[in-house]
Amino acid sequence: MDTHDRLEDLDFPDDIAFLTHNHRSMQSKLTKLAKISKQMDLRISKSKTKVMRVNTRNTDRTELDGDEIDEVEDFAYLGQWI
């Protein structure tokens, strides 16, 4: 695993935001998080997981365990609207 892909400081594991420059990296991080979560007997809520795209034309689906993740225009992260 690359140093940039490590899941390190998970103080708030129910509020995680991945920031990436491309879809492939986002999908890779989400897939790794799902794998690690399963190993720790944790579950990622597909209904609460969202994708937000900024300044991109890429329309590839982001998936979690084969299900498409909903896209949003904005969201609240740790009480702040983004």
Protein backbone atom coordinates (compact mmCIF):
# COMPACT_ATOMS: atom_id res chain seq x y z
CA MET A 1 0.00 0.00 0.00
CA ASP A 2 1.38 3.40 -0.98
CA THR A 3 2.02 5.90 1.84
CA HIS A 4 -0.68 8.16 0.42
CA ASP A 5 -3.22 5.34 0.63
CA ARG A 6 -2.76 4.44 4.30
CA LEU A 7 -5.82 4.66 6.46
CA GLU A 8 -4.21 6.17 9.49
CA ASP A 9 -5.96 8.56 11.85
CA LEU A 10 -9.54 7.32 12.09
CA ASP A 11 -10.60 9.31 15.16
CA PHE A 12 -14.07 9.68 13.69
CA PRO A 13 -14.56 6.50 11.65
CA ASP A 14 -18.18 7.42 10.91
CA ASP A 15 -17.08 10.69 9.25
CA ILE A 16 -14.37 10.06 6.66
CA ALA A 17 -13.75 12.13 3.54
CA PHE A 18 -11.43 11.02 0.74
CA LEU A 19 -10.07 13.75 -1.50
CA THR A 20 -8.53 12.60 -4.78
CA HIS A 21 -7.57 14.00 -8.14
CA ASN A 22 -9.11 11.25 -10.22
CA HIS A 23 -11.83 8.62 -10.22
CA ARG A 24 -9.46 5.64 -10.24
CA SER A 25 -7.83 6.81 -7.00
CA MET A 26 -11.23 7.39 -5.35
CA GLN A 27 -12.47 3.94 -6.31
CA SER A 28 -9.22 2.37 -5.12
CA LYS A 29 -9.39 4.09 -1.71
CA LEU A 30 -13.03 3.14 -1.23
CA THR A 31 -12.32 -0.48 -2.17
CA LYS A 32 -9.36 -0.65 0.26
CA LEU A 33 -11.44 0.90 3.04
CA ALA A 34 -14.18 -1.68 2.47
CA LYS A 35 -11.66 -4.53 2.58
CA ILE A 36 -10.02 -3.29 5.78
CA SER A 37 -13.42 -2.62 7.38
CA LYS A 38 -14.55 -6.20 6.72
CA GLN A 39 -11.34 -7.52 8.28
CA MET A 40 -12.14 -5.49 11.42
CA ASP A 41 -15.77 -6.64 11.37
CA LEU A 42 -17.02 -3.14 10.53
CA ARG A 43 -19.63 -2.20 7.94
CA ILE A 44 -19.77 0.78 5.58
CA SER A 45 -23.31 2.10 5.17
CA LYS A 46 -23.97 2.32 1.43
CA SER A 47 -26.96 4.59 1.99
CA LYS A 48 -24.85 7.11 3.92
CA THR A 49 -21.83 6.99 1.58
CA LYS A 50 -21.83 9.78 -1.01
CA VAL A 51 -19.66 11.02 -3.87
CA MET A 52 -19.16 14.68 -4.78
CA ARG A 53 -17.36 15.65 -7.99
CA VAL A 54 -15.81 19.08 -8.45
CA ASN A 55 -14.51 20.40 -11.78
CA THR A 56 -14.55 17.07 -13.60
CA ARG A 57 -16.15 15.65 -16.70
CA ASN A 58 -15.61 12.05 -15.60
CA THR A 59 -18.93 10.29 -15.15
CA ASP A 60 -17.63 6.82 -14.21
CA ARG A 61 -19.63 5.13 -11.48
CA THR A 62 -18.14 4.90 -8.00
CA GLU A 63 -19.09 1.56 -6.47
CA LEU A 64 -19.05 -0.11 -3.08
CA ASP A 65 -19.38 -3.90 -3.21
CA GLY A 66 -20.86 -3.67 -6.72
CA ASP A 67 -23.50 -1.07 -5.84
CA GLU A 68 -23.33 2.47 -7.24
CA ILE A 69 -22.74 5.23 -4.68
CA ASP A 70 -25.08 8.23 -4.84
CA GLU A 71 -23.67 11.54 -6.05
CA VAL A 72 -24.40 14.83 -4.27
CA GLU A 73 -23.85 18.53 -5.02
CA ASP A 74 -22.87 19.36 -1.41
CA PHE A 75 -22.60 17.64 1.98
CA ALA A 76 -21.84 18.29 5.64
CA TYR A 77 -18.51 16.98 7.00
CA LEU A 78 -17.98 17.25 10.75
CA GLY A 79 -20.66 19.94 10.89
CA GLN A 80 -19.33 22.06 8.00
CA TRP A 81 -21.09 22.36 4.63
CA ILE A 82 -18.84 21.67 1.66
